[in-house]
PDB file of N, CA and C in Angstrom:
ATOM      1  N   ALA A   1     111.100 -70.631 220.421  1.00  0.00           N
ATOM      2  CA  ALA A   1     110.580 -70.576 219.094  1.00  0.00           C
ATOM      3  C   ALA A   1     110.161 -71.890 218.491  1.00  0.00           C
ATOM      4  N   SER A   2     111.058 -72.915 218.652  1.00  0.00           N
ATOM      5  CA  SER A   2     110.793 -74.226 218.124  1.00  0.00           C
ATOM      6  C   SER A   2     109.346 -74.882 218.499  1.00  0.00           C
ATOM      7  N   SER A   3     108.697 -74.377 219.683  1.00  0.00           N
ATOM      8  CA  SER A   3     107.557 -75.002 220.173  1.00  0.00           C
ATOM      9  C   SER A   3     106.498 -74.592 219.135  1.00  0.00           C
ATOM     10  N   ALA A   4     106.451 -73.817 218.361  1.00  0.00           N
ATOM     11  CA  ALA A   4     105.464 -73.446 217.261  1.00  0.00           C
ATOM     12  C   ALA A   4     105.614 -74.465 216.179  1.00  0.00           C
ATOM     13  N   VAL A   5     106.495 -75.342 216.088  1.00  0.00           N
ATOM     14  CA  VAL A   5     106.698 -76.504 214.877  1.00  0.00           C
ATOM     15  C   VAL A   5     105.888 -77.516 215.521  1.00  0.00           C
ATOM     16  N   GLY A   6     105.059 -77.966 214.758  1.00  0.00           N
ATOM     17  CA  GLY A   6     104.249 -79.286 215.012  1.00  0.00           C
ATOM     18  C   GLY A   6     105.055 -80.565 214.950  1.00  0.00           C
ATOM     19  N   GLY A   7     104.954 -81.087 216.233  1.00  0.00           N
ATOM     20  CA  GLY A   7     105.744 -82.340 216.241  1.00  0.00           C
ATOM     21  C   GLY A   7     107.071 -82.373 216.897  1.00  0.00           C
ATOM     22  N   ILE A   8     107.397 -81.063 217.181  1.00  0.00           N
ATOM     23  CA  ILE A   8     109.006 -80.638 217.419  1.00  0.00           C
ATOM     24  C   ILE A   8     109.529 -81.728 218.660  1.00  0.00           C
ATOM     25  N   LEU A   9     108.786 -81.972 219.591  1.00  0.00           N
ATOM     26  CA  LEU A   9     109.225 -82.721 220.683  1.00  0.00           C
ATOM     27  C   LEU A   9     109.453 -84.296 220.178  1.00  0.00           C
ATOM     28  N   ASP A  10     108.566 -84.661 219.223  1.00  0.00           N
ATOM     29  CA  ASP A  10     108.887 -86.038 218.659  1.00  0.00           C
ATOM     30  C   ASP A  10     110.223 -86.089 217.804  1.00  0.00           C
ATOM     31  N   MET A  11     110.505 -84.804 217.230  1.00  0.00           N
ATOM     32  CA  MET A  11     111.771 -84.717 216.484  1.00  0.00           C
ATOM     33  C   MET A  11     112.844 -84.748 217.390  1.00  0.00           C
ATOM     34  N   ILE A  12     112.813 -84.182 218.400  1.00  0.00           N
ATOM     35  CA  ILE A  12     113.901 -83.760 219.349  1.00  0.00           C
ATOM     36  C   ILE A  12     114.155 -85.338 220.107  1.00  0.00           C
ATOM     37  N   HIS A  13     113.149 -85.869 220.362  1.00  0.00           N
ATOM     38  CA  HIS A  13     113.232 -87.397 220.896  1.00  0.00           C
ATOM     39  C   HIS A  13     113.999 -88.283 220.040  1.00  0.00           C
ATOM     40  N   HIS A  14     113.543 -88.214 218.573  1.00  0.00           N
ATOM     41  CA  HIS A  14     114.346 -89.040 217.615  1.00  0.00           C
ATOM     42  C   HIS A  14     115.807 -88.651 217.554  1.00  0.00           C
ATOM     43  N   VAL A  15     116.094 -87.417 217.459  1.00  0.00           N
ATOM     44  CA  VAL A  15     117.557 -87.089 217.483  1.00  0.00           C
ATOM     45  C   VAL A  15     118.264 -87.719 218.620  1.00  0.00           C
ATOM     46  N   GLU A  16     117.665 -87.662 219.824  1.00  0.00           N
ATOM     47  CA  GLU A  16     118.371 -87.936 220.920  1.00  0.00           C
ATOM     48  C   GLU A  16     118.323 -89.472 221.018  1.00  0.00           C
ATOM     49  N   GLU A  17     117.682 -90.259 220.316  1.00  0.00           N
ATOM     50  CA  GLU A  17     117.760 -91.734 220.229  1.00  0.00           C
ATOM     51  C   GLU A  17     118.740 -92.208 219.159  1.00  0.00           C
ATOM     52  N   VAL A  18     118.871 -91.398 218.044  1.00  0.00           N
ATOM     53  CA  VAL A  18     119.758 -91.999 216.974  1.00  0.00           C
ATOM     54  C   VAL A  18     121.014 -91.281 216.752  1.00  0.00           C
ATOM     55  N   ALA A  19     121.258 -90.037 217.437  1.00  0.00           N
ATOM     56  CA  ALA A  19     122.524 -89.352 217.136  1.00  0.00           C
ATOM     57  C   ALA A  19     123.693 -90.087 217.803  1.00  0.00           C
ATOM     58  N   PRO A  20     124.839 -90.031 217.311  1.00  0.00           N
ATOM     59  CA  PRO A  20     125.903 -90.660 218.056  1.00  0.00           C
ATOM     60  C   PRO A  20     126.180 -90.247 219.331  1.00  0.00           C
ATOM     61  N   LEU A  21     125.956 -89.066 219.611  1.00  0.00           N
ATOM     62  CA  LEU A  21     126.308 -88.625 220.944  1.00  0.00           C
ATOM     63  C   LEU A  21     124.963 -88.823 221.922  1.00  0.00           C
ATOM     64  N   ARG A  22     123.813 -89.252 221.347  1.00  0.00           N
ATOM     65  CA  ARG A  22     122.797 -89.698 222.239  1.00  0.00           C
ATOM     66  C   ARG A  22     122.085 -88.375 222.825  1.00  0.00           C
ATOM     67  N   ARG A  23     122.039 -87.251 222.159  1.00  0.00           N
ATOM     68  CA  ARG A  23     121.591 -86.034 222.777  1.00  0.00           C
ATOM     69  C   ARG A  23     121.320 -84.938 221.833  1.00  0.00           C
ATOM     70  N   THR A  24     120.870 -84.001 222.133  1.00  0.00           N
ATOM     71  CA  THR A  24     120.807 -82.873 221.230  1.00  0.00           C
ATOM     72  C   THR A  24     121.805 -81.859 221.586  1.00  0.00           C
ATOM     73  N   VAL A  25     122.048 -80.934 220.846  1.00  0.00           N
ATOM     74  CA  VAL A  25     123.169 -79.805 221.115  1.00  0.00           C
ATOM     75  C   VAL A  25     122.438 -78.689 221.858  1.00  0.00           C
ATOM     76  N   THR A  26     123.387 -77.829 222.441  1.00  0.00           N
ATOM     77  CA  THR A  26     122.884 -76.823 223.297  1.00  0.00           C
ATOM     78  C   THR A  26     123.290 -75.441 222.387  1.00  0.00           C
ATOM     79  N   GLN A  27     122.531 -74.366 222.935  1.00  0.00           N
ATOM     80  CA  GLN A  27     122.815 -73.159 222.359  1.00  0.00           C
ATOM     81  C   GLN A  27     124.298 -72.890 222.353  1.00  0.00           C
ATOM     82  N   GLN A  28     124.972 -73.188 223.414  1.00  0.00           N
ATOM     83  CA  GLN A  28     126.447 -72.706 223.926  1.00  0.00           C
ATOM     84  C   GLN A  28     127.244 -73.661 222.618  1.00  0.00           C
ATOM     85  N   GLU A  29     127.040 -74.833 222.247  1.00  0.00           N
ATOM     86  CA  GLU A  29     127.691 -75.563 221.212  1.00  0.00           C
ATOM     87  C   GLU A  29     127.427 -74.756 219.842  1.00  0.00           C
ATOM     88  N   VAL A  30     126.297 -74.210 219.467  1.00  0.00           N
ATOM     89  CA  VAL A  30     125.863 -73.606 218.307  1.00  0.00           C
ATOM     90  C   VAL A  30     126.755 -72.348 218.453  1.00  0.00           C
ATOM     91  N   GLY A  31     126.688 -71.488 219.378  1.00  0.00           N
ATOM     92  CA  GLY A  31     127.570 -70.414 219.585  1.00  0.00           C
ATOM     93  C   GLY A  31     128.921 -70.451 219.519  1.00  0.00           C
ATOM     94  N   ASN A  32     129.533 -71.622 219.997  1.00  0.00           N
ATOM     95  CA  ASN A  32     130.888 -72.024 219.852  1.00  0.00           C
ATOM     96  C   ASN A  32     131.329 -72.042 218.473  1.00  0.00           C
ATOM     97  N   ALA A  33     130.484 -72.801 217.679  1.00  0.00           N
ATOM     98  CA  ALA A  33     130.777 -72.998 216.303  1.00  0.00           C
ATOM     99  C   ALA A  33     130.735 -71.695 215.645  1.00  0.00           C
ATOM    100  N   ALA A  34     129.799 -71.092 215.743  1.00  0.00           N
ATOM    101  CA  ALA A  34     129.685 -69.488 215.082  1.00  0.00           C
ATOM    102  C   ALA A  34     130.734 -68.692 215.595  1.00  0.00           C
ATOM    103  N   ALA A  35     131.340 -68.821 216.843  1.00  0.00           N
ATOM    104  CA  ALA A  35     132.233 -68.036 217.006  1.00  0.00           C
ATOM    105  C   ALA A  35     133.804 -68.514 216.503  1.00  0.00           C
ATOM    106  N   PHE A  36     133.869 -69.802 216.244  1.00  0.00           N
ATOM    107  CA  PHE A  36     135.016 -70.292 215.646  1.00  0.00           C
ATOM    108  C   PHE A  36     134.965 -69.709 214.035  1.00  0.00           C
ATOM    109  N   LEU A  37     133.958 -69.811 213.503  1.00  0.00           N
ATOM    110  CA  LEU A  37     133.828 -69.407 212.121  1.00  0.00           C
ATOM    111  C   LEU A  37     133.884 -67.940 211.949  1.00  0.00           C
ATOM    112  N   CYS A  38     133.796 -67.240 213.123  1.00  0.00           N
ATOM    113  CA  CYS A  38     133.959 -65.645 212.925  1.00  0.00           C
ATOM    114  C   CYS A  38     135.334 -65.473 213.102  1.00  0.00           C
ATOM    115  N   SER A  39     136.169 -66.409 213.716  1.00  0.00           N
ATOM    116  CA  SER A  39     137.607 -65.997 214.115  1.00  0.00           C
ATOM    117  C   SER A  39     138.623 -66.180 213.036  1.00  0.00           C
ATOM    118  N   ASN A  40     139.764 -65.940 213.300  1.00  0.00           N
ATOM    119  CA  ASN A  40     140.842 -66.161 212.607  1.00  0.00           C
ATOM    120  C   ASN A  40     141.163 -67.599 212.233  1.00  0.00           C
ATOM    121  N   LEU A  41     140.819 -68.327 213.294  1.00  0.00           N
ATOM    122  CA  LEU A  41     141.114 -70.087 213.210  1.00  0.00           C
ATOM    123  C   LEU A  41     140.403 -70.682 212.189  1.00  0.00           C
ATOM    124  N   SER A  42     139.388 -70.104 211.637  1.00  0.00           N
ATOM    125  CA  SER A  42     138.838 -70.647 210.529  1.00  0.00           C
ATOM    126  C   SER A  42     139.181 -69.965 209.102  1.00  0.00           C
ATOM    127  N   SER A  43     140.245 -69.360 209.140  1.00  0.00           N
ATOM    128  CA  SER A  43     140.423 -68.645 207.735  1.00  0.00           C
ATOM    129  C   SER A  43     140.694 -69.384 206.836  1.00  0.00           C
ATOM    130  N   GLY A  44     140.822 -70.722 206.776  1.00  0.00           N
ATOM    131  CA  GLY A  44     141.038 -71.447 205.558  1.00  0.00           C
ATOM    132  C   GLY A  44     139.758 -72.313 205.297  1.00  0.00           C
ATOM    133  N   ILE A  45     138.845 -71.982 205.794  1.00  0.00           N
ATOM    134  CA  ILE A  45     137.717 -72.864 205.672  1.00  0.00           C
ATOM    135  C   ILE A  45     136.715 -71.965 204.598  1.00  0.00           C
ATOM    136  N   THR A  46     136.452 -72.582 203.538  1.00  0.00           N
ATOM    137  CA  THR A  46     135.393 -71.816 202.598  1.00  0.00           C
ATOM    138  C   THR A  46     134.500 -72.716 202.106  1.00  0.00           C
ATOM    139  N   GLY A  47     133.157 -72.425 201.709  1.00  0.00           N
ATOM    140  CA  GLY A  47     132.272 -73.114 201.056  1.00  0.00           C
ATOM    141  C   GLY A  47     131.820 -74.343 201.819  1.00  0.00           C
ATOM    142  N   GLN A  48     131.929 -74.617 203.020  1.00  0.00           N
ATOM    143  CA  GLN A  48     131.463 -75.817 203.671  1.00  0.00           C
ATOM    144  C   GLN A  48     130.333 -75.771 204.484  1.00  0.00           C
ATOM    145  N   ILE A  49     129.664 -76.829 204.799  1.00  0.00           N
ATOM    146  CA  ILE A  49     128.393 -76.958 205.752  1.00  0.00           C
ATOM    147  C   ILE A  49     129.047 -77.216 206.965  1.00  0.00           C
ATOM    148  N   LEU A  50     128.870 -76.801 208.132  1.00  0.00           N
ATOM    149  CA  LEU A  50     129.281 -77.263 209.374  1.00  0.00           C
ATOM    150  C   LEU A  50     127.961 -77.709 210.172  1.00  0.00           C
ATOM    151  N   TYR A  51     127.957 -79.094 210.342  1.00  0.00           N
ATOM    152  CA  TYR A  51     126.714 -79.383 211.168  1.00  0.00           C
ATOM    153  C   TYR A  51     127.031 -79.388 212.772  1.00  0.00           C
ATOM    154  N   VAL A  52     126.343 -78.776 213.485  1.00  0.00           N
ATOM    155  CA  VAL A  52     126.203 -78.893 214.892  1.00  0.00           C
ATOM    156  C   VAL A  52     125.170 -79.588 215.389  1.00  0.00           C
ATOM    157  N   ASP A  53     125.422 -80.697 215.341  1.00  0.00           N
ATOM    158  CA  ASP A  53     123.875 -81.676 215.578  1.00  0.00           C
ATOM    159  C   ASP A  53     124.116 -83.035 216.197  1.00  0.00           C
ATOM    160  N   ALA A  54     125.103 -83.136 217.187  1.00  0.00           N
ATOM    161  CA  ALA A  54     125.616 -84.371 217.901  1.00  0.00           C
ATOM    162  C   ALA A  54     125.889 -85.447 217.214  1.00  0.00           C
ATOM    163  N   GLY A  55     126.199 -85.233 215.765  1.00  0.00           N
ATOM    164  CA  GLY A  55     126.532 -86.364 215.002  1.00  0.00           C
ATOM    165  C   GLY A  55     125.366 -86.852 214.032  1.00  0.00           C
ATOM    166  N   TYR A  56     124.161 -86.240 214.257  1.00  0.00           N
ATOM    167  CA  TYR A  56     122.905 -86.697 213.461  1.00  0.00           C
ATOM    168  C   TYR A  56     123.024 -86.838 211.911  1.00  0.00           C
ATOM    169  N   GLU A  57     123.731 -85.914 211.384  1.00  0.00           N
ATOM    170  CA  GLU A  57     123.972 -85.888 209.968  1.00  0.00           C
ATOM    171  C   GLU A  57     124.641 -87.009 209.228  1.00  0.00           C
ATOM    172  N   ILE A  58     125.603 -87.416 210.161  1.00  0.00           N
ATOM    173  CA  ILE A  58     126.448 -88.504 209.596  1.00  0.00           C
ATOM    174  C   ILE A  58     125.602 -89.937 209.592  1.00  0.00           C
ATOM    175  N   MET A  59     124.509 -89.796 210.098  1.00  0.00           N
ATOM    176  CA  MET A  59     123.659 -91.153 210.275  1.00  0.00           C
ATOM    177  C   MET A  59     122.877 -91.412 209.036  1.00  0.00           C
ATOM    178  N   GLY A  60     122.941 -90.374 208.241  1.00  0.00           N
ATOM    179  CA  GLY A  60     122.413 -90.310 206.760  1.00  0.00           C
ATOM    180  C   GLY A  60     120.534 -90.515 206.990  1.00  0.00           C
ATOM    181  N   MET A  61     119.983 -89.931 207.993  1.00  0.00           N
ATOM    182  CA  MET A  61     118.623 -89.884 208.112  1.00  0.00           C
ATOM    183  C   MET A  61     117.887 -88.955 207.292  1.00  0.00           C
TER     184      MET A  61
END
């Protein structure tokens, strides 16, 4: 689906270059985060943003 976004490959390569983990995330990692949030393990979490982005968000880009 992302292939319809103009310049998506440039964006993906940029994230791979600057994210602390030096890669993009997988569908499995996003699914794992969603499963965690749907589980009782996250019962104390409210009103938060959970970034699943290989650390890109902390770079302040």
